[in-house]
Amino acid sequence: MKILKIAFGLLFLLFAYFQNNDPDSATWIFIYSIAALACYMSLKELWPSWVFYVLTAGYVVGAILQWPPQFEGVFWGEAQMRSLNIELARESFGLGICALAMAILGKWG
């Protein structure tokens, strides 16, 4: 489990780093940094499991609210954004990954 916590933490730091060119980068860097911090806190066993469940709920709500009005895919092979719907889908999936990681940390962390 320790390796999984470290892997999640590094993944979220990488996600935060990739937000540098985003127009709303501060928001997304904060969101992914909180997930990375949660991984660290779980690794050191400093937060109770309910904190991770609260984070899970927040990320799930965010993912639902961020879901695009019309799904056009995510175009994994391309870095550029072709439409707002693609960007919203990518952001929604990112929040979903955060939610899944927080649920795992809450349950088995």
Protein backbone atom coordinates (compact mmCIF):
# COMPACT_ATOMS: atom_id res chain seq x y z
CA MET A 1 0.00 0.00 0.00
CA LYS A 2 2.92 2.31 0.70
CA ILE A 3 4.07 2.12 -2.92
CA LEU A 4 0.54 2.87 -4.13
CA LYS A 5 0.35 5.96 -1.92
CA ILE A 6 3.69 7.19 -3.25
CA ALA A 7 2.62 6.45 -6.84
CA PHE A 8 -0.65 8.34 -6.39
CA GLY A 9 1.19 11.26 -4.80
CA LEU A 10 3.69 11.47 -7.64
CA LEU A 11 0.90 11.17 -10.21
CA PHE A 12 -0.94 14.11 -8.67
CA LEU A 13 2.22 16.19 -8.54
CA LEU A 14 2.70 15.40 -12.23
CA PHE A 15 -0.91 16.38 -12.92
CA ALA A 16 -0.31 19.68 -11.09
CA TYR A 17 2.85 20.32 -13.09
CA PHE A 18 1.04 19.78 -16.41
CA GLN A 19 -1.45 22.53 -15.49
CA ASN A 20 1.14 25.29 -15.95
CA ASN A 21 -0.11 26.16 -19.45
CA ASP A 22 -3.80 26.04 -18.52
CA PRO A 23 -5.71 29.35 -18.43
CA ASP A 24 -7.07 28.49 -14.97
CA SER A 25 -3.86 26.83 -13.80
CA ALA A 26 -3.99 28.08 -10.20
CA THR A 27 -7.28 26.28 -9.58
CA TRP A 28 -6.09 22.99 -11.03
CA ILE A 29 -2.67 23.11 -9.40
CA PHE A 30 -4.44 23.61 -6.07
CA ILE A 31 -6.86 20.72 -6.72
CA TYR A 32 -4.11 18.27 -7.63
CA SER A 33 -1.81 19.53 -4.87
CA ILE A 34 -4.50 18.77 -2.29
CA ALA A 35 -4.70 15.22 -3.66
CA ALA A 36 -0.89 14.90 -3.45
CA LEU A 37 -0.95 16.26 0.11
CA ALA A 38 -3.63 13.73 1.01
CA CYS A 39 -1.39 10.94 -0.27
CA TYR A 40 1.44 12.20 1.91
CA MET A 41 -0.83 12.49 4.94
CA SER A 42 -2.05 8.95 4.35
CA LEU A 43 1.51 7.69 3.97
CA LYS A 44 2.39 9.22 7.35
CA GLU A 45 -1.01 8.17 8.81
CA LEU A 46 -1.78 11.72 9.93
CA TRP A 47 -5.40 11.96 8.79
CA PRO A 48 -8.34 9.76 9.78
CA SER A 49 -10.18 7.87 7.04
CA TRP A 50 -13.22 10.18 7.13
CA VAL A 51 -11.09 13.02 5.73
CA PHE A 52 -10.40 10.93 2.63
CA TYR A 53 -14.11 10.16 2.28
CA VAL A 54 -14.92 13.87 2.43
CA LEU A 55 -12.30 14.51 -0.25
CA THR A 56 -13.77 11.64 -2.30
CA ALA A 57 -17.20 13.24 -2.14
CA GLY A 58 -15.81 16.63 -3.12
CA TYR A 59 -13.94 15.23 -6.09
CA VAL A 60 -16.99 13.24 -7.23
CA VAL A 61 -19.18 16.34 -7.07
CA GLY A 62 -16.53 18.30 -8.96
CA ALA A 63 -16.26 15.60 -11.63
CA ILE A 64 -20.03 15.60 -12.13
CA LEU A 65 -20.23 19.39 -12.31
CA GLN A 66 -17.28 19.54 -14.69
CA TRP A 67 -18.73 16.96 -17.09
CA PRO A 68 -19.19 18.54 -20.55
CA PRO A 69 -22.65 19.23 -21.97
CA GLN A 70 -21.68 17.08 -24.96
CA PHE A 71 -18.99 14.43 -24.69
CA GLU A 72 -16.57 14.64 -27.63
CA GLY A 73 -13.83 12.40 -26.24
CA VAL A 74 -10.52 13.34 -24.72
CA PHE A 75 -8.07 12.81 -27.63
CA TRP A 76 -5.27 11.33 -25.51
CA GLY A 77 -2.76 11.62 -28.36
CA GLU A 78 -3.05 15.38 -28.60
CA ALA A 79 -1.95 17.99 -26.08
CA GLN A 80 -3.96 20.84 -27.57
CA MET A 81 -7.59 21.46 -26.84
CA ARG A 82 -9.86 21.22 -29.86
CA SER A 83 -13.01 22.26 -28.02
CA LEU A 84 -14.23 23.25 -24.59
CA ASN A 85 -16.06 19.91 -24.29
CA ILE A 86 -12.80 18.00 -24.64
CA GLU A 87 -11.15 20.16 -21.98
CA LEU A 88 -14.11 19.68 -19.63
CA ALA A 89 -14.01 15.91 -20.16
CA ARG A 90 -10.29 15.82 -19.37
CA GLU A 91 -10.83 17.86 -16.22
CA SER A 92 -13.75 15.67 -15.18
CA PHE A 93 -11.67 12.51 -15.65
CA GLY A 94 -8.85 14.07 -13.61
CA LEU A 95 -11.24 14.75 -10.77
CA GLY A 96 -12.55 11.20 -11.09
CA ILE A 97 -9.02 9.84 -10.71
CA CYS A 98 -8.61 11.98 -7.59
CA ALA A 99 -11.91 10.65 -6.22
CA LEU A 100 -10.90 7.04 -6.86
CA ALA A 101 -7.53 7.55 -5.16
CA MET A 102 -9.11 9.24 -2.13
CA ALA A 103 -11.64 6.40 -1.79
CA ILE A 104 -8.82 3.86 -1.88
CA LEU A 105 -6.84 5.82 0.70
CA GLY A 106 -9.91 6.07 2.94
CA LYS A 107 -10.73 2.38 2.70
CA TRP A 108 -7.29 0.75 2.78
CA GLY A 109 -4.98 3.61 3.74
